[in-house]
């Protein structure tokens, strides 16, 4: 399915009685790339989990294209075009790489697996290995490829580079950039590697204590040294 816009209106959410997000509002045009930044514990992962339907929502709306998905469970949101690659990767350890990928096909023919193998040739080499036999980087590739095979219109990526070697990070970001260039997916990226996120995105929001403290373009954030130091805890960006 083609990329669709995402609109979030006055969203408040959390876990049980604990509110983590408060009054979050933003919109992402179809095919655009949004980086969600912030220090640890500011609500970035909770935001993506809430969009995916995995937290308790207190207020607000989530609109995917022309569909209000606010009240829908996670599985229904996925069928409406929302793809989520969680920080935990969540591959099936007792299934082979190819069997893991089958799960993402959503009724598409087996030949569609070639899309995953073209994006990540390493998965083809490891296609008969179990999920538990993969490195962290290979598991991240598998989790990403499995989600992409379902052709989501909006893709949520939660810290895909965490703990990975630089060469793997480069390979993953190259794949994400290629996805973005097609214009077929709207992509939200949460990432602690700030420069990698800014190089990828065309929009940025920065969270602080569950609220949007800054929004704008990557270039404007790079030039706002006070905001970078105050909200991200770094002295400057290159």
Foldseek 3Di string as FASTA:
>chain_A
DFAAKKWKAQWWWDADPDIQAGGATDIFGQLFEEEEEFDPSQCPLVVLCQLLQNTGTDDIWMATHNRTCNPPHNVVVVVVFEFECHPVLDFDQAQFLLVSLVQLQVPPDSVLVVVLCVLPVVCVVRRGPGLVPDDLLVSLSSSVNSRCNNQGSEYEEEASCPPHDPVSVVSVLVSVQVVSVVSRHYYYYYHLPVVSSLVRGQKYFYGGSNYTPDIDGSVVVQVPQVCCCVGNVDRGDD
